[in-house]
Every structure is written in C-alpha cells, then in structure tokens.
Amino acid sequence: MKREEGIPMAEEVTDQKPKKGSKVQSVGKYFLIGIFVLAPMLLAYAIVDKNYEQIYTFTSSFLASEEPVYFQIEELIVNPAETRGQRYLVVECNLELQHTDHIALVEQNIQRIKHDMMELLSSRTVQQLGEFEERERLRGELAEVVNQAIGLRSVRNLYYTRYVMQ
C-alpha cells in the first residue's frame, strides 16, 4: 500500500492514544468543587457558630415538651386611626407561652406590653381592623410585641378572646 504524505495509514491511526486532560483541568475541577461545596459549608458553620444560642432557642420552641401556659391580657380599648374618637375597638387576648417562668417576665413588663399593643392597634384603620387577613397578621405582630418586651421568643400563639368594634 502506498502512503501519501500527510495522510496516516490505518495502523498508525489505531496506535494513537487519546490525550489525557491537562493538570490545569484537574486542578480546576477541585477548585470548583471547593467553591461550590466547601465554601457554603464553611459559611453555614460560621453563621451557626456565631448565632448558636438564638438558633437553639428558636428550634427548641418547636420541640418543647412542656405543656403551654396561658396568660390573659385584660381588655384594651383603643380608637382606630382616622375615626376622630367616633369608633373604638375592644380587644382581649390570651397568650400561649412556652414556660411557666415566662409569666413572671410578662407580668414585669405588662405596662410596656399594653402600651405597645395599644399603639399598634390604634395605628390601624377601621377597614383594616375589620378584614380577616389583617386581624391574623395583627395577631402575629401583637405576639412579637410581647416577645420584644420580655426579650425571649416565648409566645407560641395569641388568641383573641374578645374582639369588638363599635
């Protein structure tokens, strides 16, 4: 068989081995693995390490085995926004707390809690206070008022025992 220049023969083609990837490609793979796998793991570890106490308190609130404790907030009477004193809202609620020790914290801060609740309620209009979705959102905000006042995430739930608008 005659061989032309520049064209390899069949035997020569089969003897060629495929080229292996360069060292840069293999180092690049490990670099990408490090960035997309290890970096987020290290970042998550740093965040958890820095905020461990708050994360533990938050997660333990869902796993609390103790029976909830209830504390009643006596009636709050407020004038809704934009009513010029012509309308009023009466709200009474029960707080479901995490632990019996938290009742003392609520009692110590009851004046601040009532004041902040009244400010929150009086900032809403009659229309807002009448809407179901707004009342549900307001429950969460009122629970957060208590949590901020006592410095703990203690309120599991807030129940309206009286909600009357005149």
N, C-alpha and C. Protein backbone atom coordinates (compact mmCIF):
# COMPACT_ATOMS: atom_id res chain seq x y z
N MET A 1 0.83 -1.16 0.00
CA MET A 1 0.00 0.00 0.00
C MET A 1 0.88 1.23 0.00
N LYS A 2 0.49 2.14 -0.80
CA LYS A 2 1.29 3.34 -0.93
C LYS A 2 0.77 4.42 0.01
N ARG A 3 1.70 5.01 0.66
CA ARG A 3 1.34 6.03 1.62
C ARG A 3 1.58 7.40 1.04
N GLU A 4 0.54 8.22 1.15
CA GLU A 4 0.71 9.59 0.68
C GLU A 4 1.14 10.42 1.86
N GLU A 5 1.84 11.43 1.54
CA GLU A 5 2.35 12.28 2.61
C GLU A 5 1.23 13.05 3.28
N GLY A 6 1.27 13.12 4.64
CA GLY A 6 0.27 13.87 5.40
C GLY A 6 -0.94 13.04 5.78
N ILE A 7 -1.14 11.88 5.16
CA ILE A 7 -2.28 11.05 5.50
C ILE A 7 -1.76 9.82 6.21
N PRO A 8 -2.17 9.59 7.46
CA PRO A 8 -1.67 8.44 8.21
C PRO A 8 -2.32 7.15 7.72
N MET A 9 -1.62 6.08 7.84
CA MET A 9 -2.11 4.76 7.45
C MET A 9 -3.04 4.27 8.57
N ALA A 10 -3.83 3.24 8.29
CA ALA A 10 -4.80 2.72 9.23
C ALA A 10 -4.13 2.23 10.50
N GLU A 11 -2.97 1.55 10.38
CA GLU A 11 -2.28 1.05 11.56
C GLU A 11 -1.81 2.20 12.44
N GLU A 12 -1.39 3.29 11.84
CA GLU A 12 -0.89 4.42 12.59
C GLU A 12 -2.02 5.12 13.35
N VAL A 13 -3.21 5.12 12.80
CA VAL A 13 -4.35 5.78 13.44
C VAL A 13 -4.74 5.05 14.72
N THR A 14 -4.74 3.73 14.72
CA THR A 14 -5.13 2.96 15.89
C THR A 14 -4.08 3.00 16.98
N ASP A 15 -2.85 3.28 16.67
CA ASP A 15 -1.80 3.32 17.67
C ASP A 15 -1.81 4.61 18.48
N GLN A 16 -2.52 5.61 18.00
CA GLN A 16 -2.53 6.88 18.73
C GLN A 16 -3.41 6.75 19.98
N LYS A 17 -2.92 7.24 21.08
CA LYS A 17 -3.65 7.21 22.34
C LYS A 17 -4.37 8.55 22.52
N PRO A 18 -5.57 8.51 23.11
CA PRO A 18 -6.25 9.78 23.35
C PRO A 18 -5.48 10.60 24.39
N LYS A 19 -5.49 11.89 24.18
CA LYS A 19 -4.76 12.77 25.08
C LYS A 19 -5.47 12.85 26.41
N LYS A 20 -4.71 12.81 27.48
CA LYS A 20 -5.26 12.98 28.82
C LYS A 20 -5.45 14.48 29.06
N GLY A 21 -6.40 14.81 29.99
CA GLY A 21 -6.64 16.20 30.34
C GLY A 21 -5.41 16.80 30.98
N SER A 22 -5.25 18.06 30.81
CA SER A 22 -4.08 18.72 31.37
C SER A 22 -4.23 18.85 32.89
N LYS A 23 -3.14 19.16 33.55
CA LYS A 23 -3.16 19.33 35.01
C LYS A 23 -4.02 20.52 35.40
N VAL A 24 -4.11 21.51 34.54
CA VAL A 24 -4.91 22.69 34.82
C VAL A 24 -6.38 22.31 34.93
N GLN A 25 -6.84 21.39 34.06
CA GLN A 25 -8.24 20.97 34.12
C GLN A 25 -8.54 20.21 35.40
N SER A 26 -7.66 19.34 35.83
CA SER A 26 -7.92 18.58 37.05
C SER A 26 -7.87 19.49 38.28
N VAL A 27 -6.96 20.45 38.30
CA VAL A 27 -6.90 21.41 39.40
C VAL A 27 -8.15 22.28 39.37
N GLY A 28 -8.61 22.64 38.20
CA GLY A 28 -9.81 23.44 38.05
C GLY A 28 -11.05 22.75 38.60
N LYS A 29 -11.13 21.42 38.39
CA LYS A 29 -12.26 20.66 38.92
C LYS A 29 -12.28 20.73 40.44
N TYR A 30 -11.14 20.52 41.05
CA TYR A 30 -11.07 20.56 42.51
C TYR A 30 -11.35 21.97 43.04
N PHE A 31 -10.91 22.95 42.31
CA PHE A 31 -11.18 24.33 42.70
C PHE A 31 -12.68 24.62 42.68
N LEU A 32 -13.37 24.18 41.62
CA LEU A 32 -14.81 24.39 41.52
C LEU A 32 -15.56 23.62 42.61
N ILE A 33 -15.11 22.40 42.89
CA ILE A 33 -15.73 21.63 43.97
C ILE A 33 -15.57 22.38 45.28
N GLY A 34 -14.39 22.91 45.49
CA GLY A 34 -14.14 23.66 46.72
C GLY A 34 -15.02 24.88 46.84
N ILE A 35 -15.21 25.58 45.76
CA ILE A 35 -16.03 26.80 45.80
C ILE A 35 -17.51 26.48 45.97
N PHE A 36 -18.02 25.52 45.23
CA PHE A 36 -19.46 25.26 45.25
C PHE A 36 -19.91 24.28 46.33
N VAL A 37 -19.00 23.57 46.97
CA VAL A 37 -19.39 22.63 48.02
C VAL A 37 -18.82 23.05 49.37
N LEU A 38 -17.56 23.24 49.44
CA LEU A 38 -16.93 23.51 50.73
C LEU A 38 -17.19 24.93 51.24
N ALA A 39 -17.17 25.90 50.36
CA ALA A 39 -17.36 27.29 50.79
C ALA A 39 -18.73 27.49 51.44
N PRO A 40 -19.85 27.01 50.85
CA PRO A 40 -21.14 27.17 51.55
C PRO A 40 -21.19 26.42 52.88
N MET A 41 -20.52 25.28 52.96
CA MET A 41 -20.49 24.54 54.22
C MET A 41 -19.76 25.34 55.29
N LEU A 42 -18.65 25.94 54.94
CA LEU A 42 -17.90 26.74 55.90
C LEU A 42 -18.68 27.99 56.30
N LEU A 43 -19.35 28.60 55.35
CA LEU A 43 -20.16 29.78 55.63
C LEU A 43 -21.31 29.42 56.58
N ALA A 44 -21.99 28.30 56.33
CA ALA A 44 -23.08 27.87 57.20
C ALA A 44 -22.56 27.57 58.60
N TYR A 45 -21.42 26.95 58.70
CA TYR A 45 -20.83 26.66 60.01
C TYR A 45 -20.53 27.95 60.77
N ALA A 46 -19.99 28.93 60.08
CA ALA A 46 -19.65 30.20 60.72
C ALA A 46 -20.91 30.91 61.22
N ILE A 47 -21.98 30.87 60.44
CA ILE A 47 -23.23 31.53 60.83
C ILE A 47 -23.84 30.83 62.05
N VAL A 48 -23.88 29.50 62.01
CA VAL A 48 -24.44 28.75 63.14
C VAL A 48 -23.59 28.94 64.39
N ASP A 49 -22.29 28.93 64.23
CA ASP A 49 -21.39 29.10 65.37
C ASP A 49 -21.60 30.47 66.03
N LYS A 50 -21.78 31.49 65.22
CA LYS A 50 -21.93 32.85 65.74
C LYS A 50 -23.29 33.04 66.41
N ASN A 51 -24.34 32.41 65.89
CA ASN A 51 -25.71 32.62 66.37
C ASN A 51 -26.29 31.38 67.02
N TYR A 52 -25.48 30.55 67.62
CA TYR A 52 -25.95 29.26 68.13
C TYR A 52 -27.04 29.41 69.17
N GLU A 53 -26.89 30.32 70.11
CA GLU A 53 -27.87 30.45 71.19
C GLU A 53 -29.24 30.84 70.65
N GLN A 54 -29.28 31.78 69.72
CA GLN A 54 -30.55 32.20 69.14
C GLN A 54 -31.18 31.08 68.31
N ILE A 55 -30.38 30.36 67.56
CA ILE A 55 -30.90 29.26 66.75
C ILE A 55 -31.42 28.15 67.66
N TYR A 56 -30.70 27.87 68.74
CA TYR A 56 -31.14 26.83 69.67
C TYR A 56 -32.47 27.21 70.32
N THR A 57 -32.59 28.46 70.74
CA THR A 57 -33.83 28.92 71.36
C THR A 57 -34.99 28.82 70.38
N PHE A 58 -34.74 29.23 69.14
CA PHE A 58 -35.79 29.20 68.13
C PHE A 58 -36.24 27.77 67.83
N THR A 59 -35.30 26.85 67.63
CA THR A 59 -35.66 25.48 67.30
C THR A 59 -36.25 24.74 68.50
N SER A 60 -35.78 25.04 69.69
CA SER A 60 -36.32 24.35 70.86
C SER A 60 -37.75 24.78 71.14
N SER A 61 -38.15 25.95 70.65
CA SER A 61 -39.52 26.39 70.85
C SER A 61 -40.50 25.47 70.11
N PHE A 62 -40.06 24.82 69.04
CA PHE A 62 -40.91 23.91 68.30
C PHE A 62 -40.93 22.52 68.95
N LEU A 63 -39.91 22.20 69.71
CA LEU A 63 -39.78 20.88 70.29
C LEU A 63 -40.10 20.84 71.77
N ALA A 64 -40.65 21.91 72.28
CA ALA A 64 -40.91 21.98 73.72
C ALA A 64 -41.88 20.89 74.13
N SER A 65 -41.49 20.11 75.11
CA SER A 65 -42.33 19.01 75.56
C SER A 65 -43.27 19.45 76.68
N GLU A 66 -42.99 20.58 77.28
CA GLU A 66 -43.80 21.08 78.38
C GLU A 66 -45.13 21.60 77.84
N GLU A 67 -46.15 21.44 78.64
CA GLU A 67 -47.47 21.95 78.27
C GLU A 67 -47.41 23.48 78.23
N PRO A 68 -48.12 24.08 77.30
CA PRO A 68 -48.11 25.54 77.23
C PRO A 68 -48.81 26.15 78.43
N VAL A 69 -48.46 27.38 78.71
CA VAL A 69 -49.02 28.14 79.81
C VAL A 69 -49.73 29.35 79.21
N TYR A 70 -50.84 29.74 79.81
CA TYR A 70 -51.62 30.84 79.26
C TYR A 70 -51.60 32.04 80.20
N PHE A 71 -51.57 33.21 79.59
CA PHE A 71 -51.61 34.47 80.33
C PHE A 71 -52.62 35.36 79.64
N GLN A 72 -53.53 35.92 80.40
CA GLN A 72 -54.58 36.76 79.82
C GLN A 72 -54.20 38.23 79.89
N ILE A 73 -54.30 38.89 78.74
CA ILE A 73 -54.15 40.34 78.67
C ILE A 73 -55.57 40.91 78.77
N GLU A 74 -55.80 41.70 79.81
CA GLU A 74 -57.13 42.26 80.00
C GLU A 74 -57.47 43.19 78.85
N GLU A 75 -58.72 43.58 78.80
CA GLU A 75 -59.21 44.33 77.64
C GLU A 75 -58.44 45.63 77.41
N LEU A 76 -58.16 45.83 76.15
CA LEU A 76 -57.53 47.06 75.68
C LEU A 76 -58.57 47.80 74.86
N ILE A 77 -58.75 49.07 75.14
CA ILE A 77 -59.74 49.88 74.41
C ILE A 77 -58.97 50.97 73.70
N VAL A 78 -59.12 51.00 72.36
CA VAL A 78 -58.40 51.98 71.55
C VAL A 78 -59.34 52.58 70.51
N ASN A 79 -58.98 53.78 70.07
CA ASN A 79 -59.66 54.40 68.94
C ASN A 79 -58.86 54.08 67.69
N PRO A 80 -59.48 53.45 66.70
CA PRO A 80 -58.75 53.17 65.45
C PRO A 80 -58.34 54.46 64.75
N ALA A 81 -57.37 54.35 63.88
CA ALA A 81 -56.88 55.52 63.13
C ALA A 81 -58.00 56.09 62.27
N GLU A 82 -57.96 57.39 62.10
CA GLU A 82 -58.87 58.14 61.22
C GLU A 82 -60.34 58.07 61.66
N THR A 83 -60.61 57.90 62.95
CA THR A 83 -62.00 57.85 63.40
C THR A 83 -62.38 59.07 64.24
N ARG A 84 -61.42 59.88 64.64
CA ARG A 84 -61.64 61.08 65.45
C ARG A 84 -62.44 60.77 66.72
N GLY A 85 -62.16 59.61 67.31
CA GLY A 85 -62.81 59.24 68.56
C GLY A 85 -64.24 58.76 68.42
N GLN A 86 -64.76 58.63 67.21
CA GLN A 86 -66.14 58.21 66.99
C GLN A 86 -66.31 56.69 67.09
N ARG A 87 -65.25 55.93 66.87
CA ARG A 87 -65.31 54.46 66.92
C ARG A 87 -64.27 53.98 67.92
N TYR A 88 -64.47 52.78 68.44
CA TYR A 88 -63.47 52.20 69.32
C TYR A 88 -63.43 50.69 69.13
N LEU A 89 -62.32 50.14 69.55
CA LEU A 89 -62.07 48.71 69.44
C LEU A 89 -61.73 48.19 70.83
N VAL A 90 -62.36 47.08 71.19
CA VAL A 90 -62.08 46.42 72.46
C VAL A 90 -61.44 45.07 72.12
N VAL A 91 -60.24 44.86 72.64
CA VAL A 91 -59.52 43.61 72.38
C VAL A 91 -59.07 43.02 73.70
N GLU A 92 -59.32 41.75 73.85
CA GLU A 92 -58.83 40.98 74.99
C GLU A 92 -58.20 39.72 74.40
N CYS A 93 -57.07 39.30 74.93
CA CYS A 93 -56.41 38.15 74.33
C CYS A 93 -55.71 37.29 75.37
N ASN A 94 -55.50 36.04 75.01
CA ASN A 94 -54.72 35.11 75.82
C ASN A 94 -53.42 34.81 75.09
N LEU A 95 -52.34 34.80 75.84
CA LEU A 95 -51.03 34.46 75.29
C LEU A 95 -50.71 33.02 75.66
N GLU A 96 -50.31 32.24 74.69
CA GLU A 96 -49.83 30.89 74.94
C GLU A 96 -48.31 30.97 75.03
N LEU A 97 -47.77 30.76 76.22
CA LEU A 97 -46.34 30.93 76.47
C LEU A 97 -45.64 29.57 76.52
N GLN A 98 -44.32 29.60 76.34
CA GLN A 98 -43.51 28.38 76.33
C GLN A 98 -43.35 27.75 77.70
N HIS A 99 -43.18 28.58 78.72
CA HIS A 99 -42.78 28.06 80.03
C HIS A 99 -43.44 28.87 81.13
N THR A 100 -43.67 28.25 82.27
CA THR A 100 -44.31 28.96 83.39
C THR A 100 -43.47 30.12 83.91
N ASP A 101 -42.14 30.01 83.76
CA ASP A 101 -41.26 31.10 84.20
C ASP A 101 -41.49 32.38 83.40
N HIS A 102 -42.03 32.26 82.21
CA HIS A 102 -42.21 33.43 81.35
C HIS A 102 -43.40 34.28 81.79
N ILE A 103 -44.28 33.72 82.61
CA ILE A 103 -45.39 34.51 83.13
C ILE A 103 -44.87 35.68 83.96
N ALA A 104 -43.85 35.41 84.77
CA ALA A 104 -43.27 36.48 85.59
C ALA A 104 -42.67 37.58 84.72
N LEU A 105 -42.05 37.20 83.61
CA LEU A 105 -41.48 38.20 82.70
C LEU A 105 -42.57 39.06 82.08
N VAL A 106 -43.68 38.42 81.71
CA VAL A 106 -44.80 39.18 81.13
C VAL A 106 -45.38 40.13 82.18
N GLU A 107 -45.56 39.63 83.41
CA GLU A 107 -46.10 40.48 84.47
C GLU A 107 -45.20 41.67 84.78
N GLN A 108 -43.88 41.46 84.74
CA GLN A 108 -42.95 42.55 85.00
C GLN A 108 -43.01 43.63 83.92
N ASN A 109 -43.33 43.22 82.70
CA ASN A 109 -43.34 44.16 81.56
C ASN A 109 -44.74 44.45 81.05
N ILE A 110 -45.76 44.22 81.86
CA ILE A 110 -47.14 44.33 81.39
C ILE A 110 -47.50 45.74 80.93
N GLN A 111 -46.98 46.76 81.59
CA GLN A 111 -47.32 48.13 81.18
C GLN A 111 -46.75 48.45 79.80
N ARG A 112 -45.51 48.05 79.58
CA ARG A 112 -44.89 48.27 78.27
C ARG A 112 -45.63 47.47 77.19
N ILE A 113 -45.99 46.23 77.51
CA ILE A 113 -46.70 45.37 76.55
C ILE A 113 -48.04 46.00 76.17
N LYS A 114 -48.81 46.43 77.17
CA LYS A 114 -50.12 47.05 76.89
C LYS A 114 -49.96 48.32 76.07
N HIS A 115 -48.98 49.13 76.42
CA HIS A 115 -48.75 50.38 75.69
C HIS A 115 -48.41 50.10 74.23
N ASP A 116 -47.49 49.19 74.00
CA ASP A 116 -47.08 48.88 72.63
C ASP A 116 -48.23 48.23 71.84
N MET A 117 -49.02 47.40 72.50
CA MET A 117 -50.18 46.79 71.83
C MET A 117 -51.20 47.86 71.45
N MET A 118 -51.45 48.80 72.36
CA MET A 118 -52.41 49.85 72.08
C MET A 118 -51.94 50.74 70.93
N GLU A 119 -50.66 51.04 70.89
CA GLU A 119 -50.13 51.83 69.77
C GLU A 119 -50.30 51.09 68.45
N LEU A 120 -50.03 49.81 68.46
CA LEU A 120 -50.16 49.00 67.25
C LEU A 120 -51.62 48.94 66.80
N LEU A 121 -52.52 48.71 67.72
CA LEU A 121 -53.95 48.63 67.38
C LEU A 121 -54.50 49.97 66.90
N SER A 122 -54.09 51.05 67.54
CA SER A 122 -54.63 52.36 67.17
C SER A 122 -54.04 52.89 65.86
N SER A 123 -53.01 52.24 65.35
CA SER A 123 -52.42 52.68 64.07
C SER A 123 -53.18 52.12 62.86
N ARG A 124 -54.11 51.19 63.11
CA ARG A 124 -54.89 50.57 62.03
C ARG A 124 -56.21 51.31 61.84
N THR A 125 -56.68 51.33 60.60
CA THR A 125 -57.98 51.94 60.30
C THR A 125 -59.10 50.94 60.59
N VAL A 126 -60.33 51.42 60.61
CA VAL A 126 -61.49 50.56 60.84
C VAL A 126 -61.57 49.49 59.76
N GLN A 127 -61.32 49.87 58.54
CA GLN A 127 -61.36 48.91 57.44
C GLN A 127 -60.32 47.80 57.63
N GLN A 128 -59.11 48.18 58.02
CA GLN A 128 -58.07 47.18 58.24
C GLN A 128 -58.43 46.26 59.40
N LEU A 129 -58.97 46.82 60.47
CA LEU A 129 -59.31 46.02 61.64
C LEU A 129 -60.48 45.09 61.38
N GLY A 130 -61.27 45.37 60.36
CA GLY A 130 -62.42 44.53 60.02
C GLY A 130 -62.07 43.38 59.11
N GLU A 131 -60.94 43.45 58.42
CA GLU A 131 -60.55 42.39 57.48
C GLU A 131 -59.93 41.21 58.22
N PHE A 132 -60.34 40.00 57.84
CA PHE A 132 -59.84 38.78 58.49
C PHE A 132 -58.33 38.64 58.34
N GLU A 133 -57.81 38.86 57.14
CA GLU A 133 -56.37 38.71 56.90
C GLU A 133 -55.56 39.68 57.75
N GLU A 134 -56.08 40.88 57.90
CA GLU A 134 -55.38 41.89 58.70
C GLU A 134 -55.40 41.52 60.19
N ARG A 135 -56.52 40.97 60.65
CA ARG A 135 -56.59 40.53 62.05
C ARG A 135 -55.59 39.41 62.32
N GLU A 136 -55.44 38.50 61.37
CA GLU A 136 -54.48 37.41 61.54
C GLU A 136 -53.04 37.94 61.54
N ARG A 137 -52.76 38.88 60.67
CA ARG A 137 -51.43 39.50 60.64
C ARG A 137 -51.18 40.25 61.94
N LEU A 138 -52.23 40.89 62.44
CA LEU A 138 -52.14 41.64 63.69
C LEU A 138 -51.84 40.72 64.87
N ARG A 139 -52.38 39.50 64.86
CA ARG A 139 -52.08 38.52 65.92
C ARG A 139 -50.58 38.26 66.00
N GLY A 140 -49.97 38.06 64.85
CA GLY A 140 -48.52 37.82 64.83
C GLY A 140 -47.74 39.02 65.32
N GLU A 141 -48.18 40.21 64.93
CA GLU A 141 -47.49 41.42 65.35
C GLU A 141 -47.65 41.67 66.85
N LEU A 142 -48.83 41.37 67.39
CA LEU A 142 -49.04 41.52 68.83
C LEU A 142 -48.19 40.51 69.61
N ALA A 143 -48.08 39.30 69.10
CA ALA A 143 -47.20 38.30 69.74
C ALA A 143 -45.76 38.76 69.72
N GLU A 144 -45.36 39.38 68.63
CA GLU A 144 -43.98 39.89 68.53
C GLU A 144 -43.74 41.04 69.50
N VAL A 145 -44.76 41.85 69.75
CA VAL A 145 -44.65 42.94 70.74
C VAL A 145 -44.31 42.34 72.10
N VAL A 146 -44.99 41.26 72.47
CA VAL A 146 -44.73 40.62 73.77
C VAL A 146 -43.32 40.04 73.79
N ASN A 147 -42.94 39.35 72.73
CA ASN A 147 -41.60 38.75 72.67
C ASN A 147 -40.52 39.80 72.81
N GLN A 148 -40.69 40.93 72.16
CA GLN A 148 -39.69 42.00 72.26
C GLN A 148 -39.64 42.60 73.66
N ALA A 149 -40.79 42.72 74.29
CA ALA A 149 -40.84 43.32 75.62
C ALA A 149 -40.16 42.44 76.67
N ILE A 150 -40.31 41.11 76.54
CA ILE A 150 -39.71 40.23 77.56
C ILE A 150 -38.33 39.74 77.15
N GLY A 151 -37.95 39.97 75.91
CA GLY A 151 -36.61 39.60 75.47
C GLY A 151 -36.43 38.14 75.13
N LEU A 152 -37.51 37.41 74.98
CA LEU A 152 -37.47 35.99 74.62
C LEU A 152 -38.50 35.71 73.53
N ARG A 153 -38.30 34.60 72.84
CA ARG A 153 -39.31 34.15 71.88
C ARG A 153 -40.20 33.15 72.62
N SER A 154 -41.08 33.66 73.44
CA SER A 154 -41.88 32.84 74.33
C SER A 154 -43.29 32.61 73.84
N VAL A 155 -43.87 33.54 73.12
CA VAL A 155 -45.27 33.43 72.72
C VAL A 155 -45.40 32.43 71.58
N ARG A 156 -46.08 31.34 71.87
CA ARG A 156 -46.36 30.34 70.83
C ARG A 156 -47.52 30.78 69.96
N ASN A 157 -48.53 31.36 70.63
CA ASN A 157 -49.71 31.78 69.90
C ASN A 157 -50.42 32.86 70.71
N LEU A 158 -51.25 33.62 70.03
CA LEU A 158 -52.05 34.65 70.66
C LEU A 158 -53.48 34.41 70.21
N TYR A 159 -54.39 34.33 71.17
CA TYR A 159 -55.80 34.07 70.86
C TYR A 159 -56.63 35.27 71.28
N TYR A 160 -57.48 35.74 70.36
CA TYR A 160 -58.42 36.80 70.73
C TYR A 160 -59.54 36.15 71.54
N THR A 161 -59.78 36.63 72.74
CA THR A 161 -60.92 36.17 73.50
C THR A 161 -62.06 37.18 73.39
N ARG A 162 -61.71 38.37 72.97
CA ARG A 162 -62.71 39.42 72.73
C ARG A 162 -62.15 40.34 71.67
N TYR A 163 -62.95 40.61 70.65
CA TYR A 163 -62.54 41.50 69.56
C TYR A 163 -63.82 42.17 69.08
N VAL A 164 -64.10 43.35 69.62
CA VAL A 164 -65.37 44.04 69.33
C VAL A 164 -65.04 45.45 68.85
N MET A 165 -65.69 45.81 67.74
CA MET A 165 -65.52 47.17 67.23
C MET A 165 -66.89 47.85 67.22
N GLN A 166 -66.93 49.04 67.79
CA GLN A 166 -68.18 49.84 67.84
C GLN A 166 -68.03 51.10 67.04
